[in-house]
Structure formats: structure tokens, C-alpha cells
Amino acid sequence: MQYRRLGRAGLKVSALSLGSWVTYGNQVNTHAARELMAAAWDAGVNFFDNAEVYARGKSEEIMGEAIKALDWPRQKFVVSTKFFWGITDGPNEKNTLNRKYLRHAIEGSLARLQLDYIDLVFCHRSDPATPIAETVWAMHEMITRGQALYWGTSEWSAAEISAAWHIADRYGLHKPVMEQPQYNLLHRKRVEQEYARLYEDIGLGLTIWSPLGSGLLTGKYRQGIPPGSRGTIENYAFLRERLTDARGNEIAGKLEPVAGDLGCSLAQLALAWCLNNPRVSTVITGASSVTQLQENMKALEVLPKLGADVLARIDTIVGDSFS
């Protein structure tokens, strides 16, 4: 396993990490989660990603029970959560980043995860109704209270991230150090273009999600939605349009010979391509079985094979179809 610094922060995270979105509480119960996390741990993974909203808190509960059962030394692993959407109803409990919501949200996540602190806390989306300064102060206070170690953003614009960083800098507060954007072969512009200046200007680190385009880049959706896949989960029906996108599946088909020439699966190629970006601190993978997880980990073996000729071939296939 490779370990990479989280941007300019001192923390190191495994280049491949394990996330719980879609799976925990939907496809994976506590026993299966424990098996997956143990297998990831054996492969060198030290970062496990979660969010308050995943399965309405159930995902955090499952991960918390798994961590308790595995009994790892706390200094050995990194856990994240994310706040914005909320899991209870009320004017200060949903779709907000105000100080009151964030104070209660972190307490709820700590209880569900059964942890004394959470390593990485993300503002899951931006909140145009709350002043950025209020959110920055709330995240600073969260860290000062010892409830979190680092904070960052997810799917914020470059302008919003920059504004938050400069407010924190002006008042001597804890700054946002990481962003969690979608990044894959079909979704590149934000990471490669919009955020370009932030890597040097503020030392932004990336913990990227959806490296396989929610599964589209595995190639298994080229003939429609197969039984038992995430596309059949009712709570994630919104994914179906993306998974059956004709252009995306056409590109996946054209990438299969590239993977074949490298002696790897299409999924391993897509993961290795994300790993090849030096701005990426960690690629968050998902898995519903130990076999799938172990196959994903082999992307590290593919990474050295991505020479300039292979990358150029991939770019020719993808063309300007990415968003």
C-alpha cells in the first residue's frame, strides 16, 4: 500500500481507502462490514469514509460496531464523516451548515461511531443560506473541542473553498485542508481545471469519490442493470440514469481492450488512472464482498503500467466527453 499526505497537512492516508456509501445499511450488514474492513486493513488501508446521511445514520452505526469488534489501536486508523443534509426533521436540522446543526451533528456521529473523535469532518455540500464565516467558526470550534482533527469540504466550488480558507487565515482559525469531489475518467473538469490553483495556493488535498462512476466504469452496466447490483437498490434509483448512459457505456467498452492489454480488469484500470493523479491523496473504493475489495486493491499493481503512451490512448478514447 502507498500512503500519501492529505494535501499539505501532515496526516497520511492510504492511497486506496474504503467507503460506506450505498453499501453499509443497504447491501452490507454489521458482520459483512467487519469482514470488509478487516480485509481492507490486511491490504494496508488505514482510511474509512462515512457520512451522517448514509442510510440515515445506520452506516455510521454499522462502522462503529465493526470498529469496536475489530479493536484496532485508535492511532492506526483514520475515519471520516460528512455533514449537511441531516437525518432528523426541523428548521435547523436539514440542508444547513449553521453552528447549531453542526454542534449537534458531530455529537450524533461520535455516538454512532462510538469514537472519542473523528479524524476528518467534511461539509458535505455548501450552504448558501449560512454565511461561510459562521461555518468556518463552527468547524474551528469542533476541532478546538477535540471532536475532530481536520475539516474540509465536499463538492464546494473553488471560490467557496478559497473564501473559507481566507476567512480562517484572517482570524487564525483551523483551515479547511481537504476536499472530497467526484473524480473519474468521465468526470474530470472540477479536479483538473477548477481546483488547479488551490493545490499550490492553499495545499488542498483530495479524497475522491466515485472513481468507477458509481459502477459504470466496471463495464457491467453495458447491457442494462444486472440483478443484485446497486442499480437495483430502490433508495438509489437516481443512479440508474447515470449507469445506463449510452455514451458512458460506449466509452467503457472502448476502454476494455486497454485493460486487456495491461492484464487487468476495467475497474482496476479506472482506479489506477485516478491514483495516477498526484493531487489525489486517496481514492475511496466501495465493495459489497471481500473478493470485490481484494480485486480493487490490485489497482496499485496496475499503476506503474500507466505510461505516457497508455494515458494518451485513454485520453483519445475518452475525448472531450467528460464533465
Protein backbone atom coordinates (compact mmCIF):
# COMPACT_ATOMS: atom_id res chain seq x y z
CA MET A 1 0.00 0.00 0.00
CA GLN A 2 1.09 3.55 -0.69
CA TYR A 3 0.48 6.29 1.88
CA ARG A 4 0.04 9.87 0.76
CA ARG A 5 -0.11 13.13 2.65
CA LEU A 6 -3.51 14.78 2.82
CA GLY A 7 -2.53 17.77 0.73
CA ARG A 8 -0.22 19.96 2.79
CA ALA A 9 -1.42 18.50 6.10
CA GLY A 10 0.86 16.14 7.98
CA LEU A 11 -1.65 13.27 8.03
CA LYS A 12 -1.01 10.30 5.75
CA VAL A 13 -3.82 8.21 4.29
CA SER A 14 -3.71 5.03 2.26
CA ALA A 15 -3.82 5.67 -1.49
CA LEU A 16 -6.81 3.33 -1.68
CA SER A 17 -9.45 3.66 1.04
CA LEU A 18 -12.81 2.08 1.82
CA GLY A 19 -16.11 3.97 1.80
CA SER A 20 -19.56 3.01 3.02
CA TRP A 21 -21.85 4.96 0.67
CA VAL A 22 -24.59 2.78 -0.91
CA THR A 23 -23.29 -0.43 0.70
CA TYR A 24 -23.49 -0.11 4.52
CA GLY A 25 -27.09 -0.38 5.66
CA ASN A 26 -28.27 -1.26 2.14
CA GLN A 27 -26.13 -4.12 0.81
CA VAL A 28 -23.88 -4.72 3.83
CA ASN A 29 -24.77 -5.57 7.44
CA THR A 30 -22.52 -5.29 10.50
CA HIS A 31 -20.97 -8.76 10.07
CA ALA A 32 -20.17 -8.14 6.39
CA ALA A 33 -18.83 -4.66 7.15
CA ARG A 34 -16.48 -6.12 9.72
CA GLU A 35 -15.20 -8.64 7.18
CA LEU A 36 -14.72 -5.94 4.54
CA MET A 37 -12.91 -3.60 6.91
CA ALA A 38 -10.69 -6.42 8.16
CA ALA A 39 -9.77 -7.36 4.58
CA ALA A 40 -9.05 -3.72 3.76
CA TRP A 41 -6.91 -3.42 6.87
CA ASP A 42 -4.95 -6.52 5.84
CA ALA A 43 -4.32 -4.83 2.47
CA GLY A 44 -2.90 -1.76 4.22
CA VAL A 45 -5.95 0.51 4.12
CA ASN A 46 -5.99 2.97 7.01
CA PHE A 47 -8.80 5.36 5.92
CA PHE A 48 -12.50 4.54 6.19
CA ASP A 49 -15.01 7.06 4.83
CA ASN A 50 -18.55 7.65 6.05
CA ALA A 51 -21.25 10.34 6.30
CA GLU A 52 -24.08 11.17 8.65
CA VAL A 53 -26.65 10.90 5.86
CA TYR A 54 -25.58 7.46 4.57
CA ALA A 55 -28.52 5.14 5.32
CA ARG A 56 -29.76 7.90 7.67
CA GLY A 57 -27.12 7.24 10.31
CA LYS A 58 -27.20 3.45 10.03
CA SER A 59 -23.95 3.39 8.06
CA GLU A 60 -22.13 5.12 10.92
CA GLU A 61 -23.68 2.70 13.42
CA ILE A 62 -22.52 -0.30 11.38
CA MET A 63 -19.00 1.07 11.00
CA GLY A 64 -18.87 1.89 14.71
CA GLU A 65 -19.84 -1.66 15.67
CA ALA A 66 -17.28 -3.06 13.22
CA ILE A 67 -14.50 -0.87 14.61
CA LYS A 68 -15.41 -1.89 18.16
CA ALA A 69 -15.32 -5.59 17.24
CA LEU A 70 -12.03 -5.28 15.35
CA ASP A 71 -10.46 -3.48 18.32
CA TRP A 72 -7.78 -1.66 16.31
CA PRO A 73 -5.44 0.78 18.07
CA ARG A 74 -7.03 4.21 17.59
CA GLN A 75 -3.81 5.80 16.33
CA LYS A 76 -3.67 3.29 13.47
CA PHE A 77 -6.80 4.25 11.52
CA VAL A 78 -8.49 7.33 10.06
CA VAL A 79 -12.27 7.78 9.97
CA SER A 80 -14.32 10.49 8.31
CA THR A 81 -17.87 11.71 8.32
CA LYS A 82 -19.75 14.46 6.49
CA PHE A 83 -22.46 16.95 7.47
CA PHE A 84 -25.11 18.93 5.61
CA TRP A 85 -28.32 17.03 4.79
CA GLY A 86 -29.13 15.93 8.32
CA ILE A 87 -31.14 12.89 9.41
CA THR A 88 -33.89 14.49 11.50
CA ASP A 89 -36.59 17.00 10.59
CA GLY A 90 -36.57 20.60 11.73
CA PRO A 91 -35.61 24.09 10.50
CA ASN A 92 -32.09 23.75 11.93
CA GLU A 93 -31.60 20.06 11.23
CA LYS A 94 -31.58 19.68 7.44
CA ASN A 95 -29.72 21.17 4.48
CA THR A 96 -27.67 23.54 6.57
CA LEU A 97 -24.19 24.26 7.88
CA ASN A 98 -25.21 26.60 10.67
CA ARG A 99 -23.43 26.48 14.02
CA LYS A 100 -26.31 24.83 15.91
CA TYR A 101 -26.74 21.98 13.41
CA LEU A 102 -23.01 21.29 13.27
CA ARG A 103 -22.73 21.18 17.07
CA HIS A 104 -25.42 18.52 17.34
CA ALA A 105 -24.35 16.65 14.19
CA ILE A 106 -20.84 15.92 15.44
CA GLU A 107 -22.20 14.69 18.77
CA GLY A 108 -24.56 12.30 16.96
CA SER A 109 -21.83 10.92 14.71
CA LEU A 110 -19.44 10.39 17.61
CA ALA A 111 -22.13 8.39 19.40
CA ARG A 112 -22.99 6.27 16.36
CA LEU A 113 -19.33 5.61 15.53
CA GLN A 114 -18.51 5.02 19.22
CA LEU A 115 -15.42 7.20 18.95
CA ASP A 116 -13.94 9.98 21.07
CA TYR A 117 -13.02 11.99 17.98
CA ILE A 118 -13.36 11.82 14.20
CA ASP A 119 -10.24 12.36 12.13
CA LEU A 120 -11.75 14.07 9.07
CA VAL A 121 -15.01 16.01 9.03
CA PHE A 122 -16.38 17.33 5.73
CA CYS A 123 -19.03 19.94 5.00
CA HIS A 124 -20.90 17.64 2.62
CA ARG A 125 -22.20 20.45 0.40
CA SER A 126 -22.05 24.24 0.57
CA ASP A 127 -24.86 26.18 2.24
CA PRO A 128 -25.75 29.46 0.51
CA ALA A 129 -28.15 30.35 3.36
CA THR A 130 -25.44 30.34 6.05
CA PRO A 131 -22.52 32.81 5.99
CA ILE A 132 -19.29 30.96 5.20
CA ALA A 133 -17.71 32.70 8.20
CA GLU A 134 -20.26 31.07 10.54
CA THR A 135 -19.46 27.63 9.15
CA VAL A 136 -15.71 28.24 9.36
CA TRP A 137 -16.01 29.27 13.03
CA ALA A 138 -18.21 26.24 13.80
CA MET A 139 -15.69 23.84 12.23
CA HIS A 140 -12.84 25.57 14.05
CA GLU A 141 -14.69 25.16 17.35
CA MET A 142 -15.33 21.48 16.58
CA ILE A 143 -11.61 20.91 16.26
CA THR A 144 -10.81 23.06 19.30
CA ARG A 145 -13.21 20.97 21.42
CA GLY A 146 -11.28 17.85 20.35
CA GLN A 147 -14.19 16.32 18.45
CA ALA A 148 -12.37 16.38 15.07
CA LEU A 149 -8.78 16.69 13.87
CA TYR A 150 -9.14 18.12 10.36
CA TRP A 151 -12.01 19.65 8.42
CA GLY A 152 -12.73 20.11 4.76
CA THR A 153 -15.41 20.30 2.11
CA SER A 154 -17.17 18.10 -0.42
CA GLU A 155 -18.32 19.36 -3.81
CA TRP A 156 -17.69 23.01 -2.95
CA SER A 157 -16.70 25.39 -5.73
CA ALA A 158 -13.13 26.64 -5.86
CA ALA A 159 -14.37 30.12 -4.95
CA GLU A 160 -16.19 28.82 -1.85
CA ILE A 161 -13.17 26.80 -0.68
CA SER A 162 -10.90 29.79 -1.20
CA ALA A 163 -13.28 32.07 0.71
CA ALA A 164 -13.42 29.66 3.66
CA TRP A 165 -9.64 29.29 3.72
CA HIS A 166 -9.04 33.04 3.67
CA ILE A 167 -11.57 33.68 6.45
CA ALA A 168 -9.80 31.09 8.58
CA ASP A 169 -6.42 32.58 7.72
CA ARG A 170 -7.58 36.12 8.61
CA TYR A 171 -8.78 35.13 12.08
CA GLY A 172 -6.21 32.45 12.88
CA LEU A 173 -8.72 29.60 12.73
CA HIS A 174 -8.31 25.97 11.68
CA LYS A 175 -8.35 25.99 7.89
CA PRO A 176 -10.06 23.54 5.52
CA VAL A 177 -7.36 21.15 4.32
CA MET A 178 -9.20 18.68 2.07
CA GLU A 179 -11.99 18.41 -0.48
CA GLN A 180 -13.98 15.32 -1.47
CA PRO A 181 -15.04 15.69 -5.10
CA GLN A 182 -16.31 13.18 -7.60
CA TYR A 183 -13.43 12.23 -9.89
CA ASN A 184 -13.21 9.58 -12.57
CA LEU A 185 -12.49 9.15 -16.27
CA LEU A 186 -15.84 10.71 -17.15
CA HIS A 187 -15.87 13.45 -14.50
CA ARG A 188 -12.64 15.43 -14.53
CA LYS A 189 -13.04 19.16 -15.01
CA ARG A 190 -13.50 20.23 -11.39
CA VAL A 191 -10.41 18.36 -10.15
CA GLU A 192 -8.19 19.06 -13.14
CA GLN A 193 -9.29 22.60 -14.02
CA GLU A 194 -11.44 24.39 -11.45
CA TYR A 195 -9.30 23.43 -8.43
CA ALA A 196 -5.96 23.76 -10.25
CA ARG A 197 -4.72 26.83 -8.34
CA LEU A 198 -5.84 25.55 -4.92
CA TYR A 199 -3.28 22.75 -4.76
CA GLU A 200 -0.37 25.18 -4.60
CA ASP A 201 -2.16 28.22 -3.16
CA ILE A 202 -3.66 26.54 -0.07
CA GLY A 203 -2.28 22.98 -0.19
CA LEU A 204 -5.62 21.30 -0.86
CA GLY A 205 -5.75 17.51 -0.53
CA LEU A 206 -8.30 15.31 -2.32
CA THR A 207 -10.21 12.26 -1.06
CA ILE A 208 -12.06 11.42 -4.25
CA TRP A 209 -15.36 9.55 -4.53
CA SER A 210 -16.99 7.58 -7.35
CA PRO A 211 -13.74 6.57 -9.11
CA LEU A 212 -15.77 3.97 -11.03
CA GLY A 213 -18.60 6.32 -11.95
CA SER A 214 -20.91 4.51 -9.50
CA GLY A 215 -20.05 1.28 -11.32
CA LEU A 216 -20.44 2.42 -14.91
CA LEU A 217 -16.66 2.14 -15.43
CA THR A 218 -16.67 -1.53 -14.44
CA GLY A 219 -18.42 -2.31 -17.72
CA LYS A 220 -21.13 -4.41 -16.05
CA TYR A 221 -23.93 -2.00 -17.00
CA ARG A 222 -23.32 -2.12 -20.74
CA GLN A 223 -26.27 -4.48 -21.21
CA GLY A 224 -28.54 -2.81 -18.64
CA ILE A 225 -28.93 -3.13 -14.86
CA PRO A 226 -27.90 -6.64 -13.73
CA PRO A 227 -29.76 -8.29 -10.81
CA GLY A 228 -28.20 -7.71 -7.40
CA SER A 229 -26.23 -4.61 -8.45
CA ARG A 230 -26.52 -1.23 -6.74
CA GLY A 231 -28.67 -0.06 -9.63
CA THR A 232 -31.46 -2.30 -8.32
CA ILE A 233 -31.50 -0.71 -4.83
CA GLU A 234 -34.68 1.33 -4.54
CA ASN A 235 -33.07 4.01 -2.34
CA TYR A 236 -30.54 4.62 -5.11
CA ALA A 237 -32.88 4.67 -8.09
CA PHE A 238 -31.39 8.05 -9.01
CA LEU A 239 -28.23 6.21 -10.13
CA ARG A 240 -29.98 4.29 -12.89
CA GLU A 241 -29.92 7.07 -15.47
CA ARG A 242 -26.19 7.51 -14.93
CA LEU A 243 -25.47 3.78 -15.06
CA THR A 244 -27.34 3.30 -18.33
CA ASP A 245 -25.87 6.38 -20.02
CA ALA A 246 -25.20 5.32 -23.61
CA ARG A 247 -22.08 7.44 -24.17
CA GLY A 248 -20.53 6.40 -20.87
CA ASN A 249 -21.10 2.73 -21.56
CA GLU A 250 -19.71 3.13 -25.07
CA ILE A 251 -16.51 4.60 -23.61
CA ALA A 252 -16.33 1.77 -21.06
CA GLY A 253 -16.50 -0.71 -23.92
CA LYS A 254 -13.67 1.02 -25.78
CA LEU A 255 -11.51 1.03 -22.64
CA GLU A 256 -11.81 -2.72 -22.16
CA PRO A 257 -9.08 -3.55 -24.74
CA VAL A 258 -6.73 -1.15 -22.93
CA ALA A 259 -7.35 -3.02 -19.68
CA GLY A 260 -6.89 -6.31 -21.53
CA ASP A 261 -3.50 -5.22 -22.86
CA LEU A 262 -2.42 -4.34 -19.31
CA GLY A 263 -3.68 -7.65 -17.93
CA CYS A 264 -6.19 -6.07 -15.58
CA SER A 265 -9.92 -5.52 -15.23
CA LEU A 266 -11.65 -2.37 -16.43
CA ALA A 267 -12.34 -1.42 -12.79
CA GLN A 268 -8.66 -1.79 -11.88
CA LEU A 269 -7.70 0.39 -14.84
CA ALA A 270 -10.16 3.11 -13.81
CA LEU A 271 -8.91 3.07 -10.21
CA ALA A 272 -5.26 3.15 -11.27
CA TRP A 273 -5.99 6.08 -13.58
CA CYS A 274 -7.33 8.06 -10.60
CA LEU A 275 -4.33 7.06 -8.49
CA ASN A 276 -2.04 8.37 -11.21
CA ASN A 277 -3.09 11.95 -10.45
CA PRO A 278 -0.53 13.26 -7.91
CA ARG A 279 -3.14 15.67 -6.48
CA VAL A 280 -5.25 12.74 -5.29
CA SER A 281 -4.49 11.84 -1.68
CA THR A 282 -6.77 8.80 -1.61
CA VAL A 283 -9.21 7.03 -3.90
CA ILE A 284 -12.31 5.94 -1.97
CA THR A 285 -13.39 2.50 -3.13
CA GLY A 286 -16.62 0.66 -2.36
CA ALA A 287 -17.23 -3.06 -2.14
CA SER A 288 -20.04 -5.40 -1.15
CA SER A 289 -17.83 -8.51 -0.93
CA VAL A 290 -14.29 -9.32 0.19
CA THR A 291 -13.48 -10.66 -3.28
CA GLN A 292 -14.51 -7.38 -4.89
CA LEU A 293 -12.44 -5.43 -2.37
CA GLN A 294 -9.36 -7.56 -2.99
CA GLU A 295 -9.72 -7.12 -6.74
CA ASN A 296 -9.94 -3.33 -6.29
CA MET A 297 -6.73 -3.33 -4.24
CA LYS A 298 -4.87 -4.78 -7.24
CA ALA A 299 -5.20 -1.38 -8.93
CA LEU A 300 -1.95 -0.50 -7.18
CA GLU A 301 -0.23 -3.15 -9.30
CA VAL A 302 -1.61 -1.52 -12.46
CA LEU A 303 -0.45 2.00 -11.57
CA PRO A 304 3.21 1.51 -12.69
CA LYS A 305 1.94 0.33 -16.09
CA LEU A 306 0.28 3.65 -16.90
CA GLY A 307 3.00 5.12 -19.06
CA ALA A 308 2.59 8.16 -21.28
CA ASP A 309 1.51 6.01 -24.22
CA VAL A 310 -1.24 4.29 -22.23
CA LEU A 311 -2.51 7.58 -20.80
CA ALA A 312 -2.58 9.12 -24.27
CA ARG A 313 -4.54 6.14 -25.56
CA ILE A 314 -7.06 6.56 -22.74
CA ASP A 315 -7.41 10.29 -23.42
CA THR A 316 -8.07 9.58 -27.09
CA ILE A 317 -10.88 7.18 -26.17
CA VAL A 318 -12.47 9.49 -23.60
CA GLY A 319 -12.00 12.59 -25.76
CA ASP A 320 -13.94 15.61 -24.52
CA SER A 321 -16.88 13.57 -23.26
CA PHE A 322 -16.07 14.15 -19.58
CA SER A 323 -17.85 16.70 -17.42
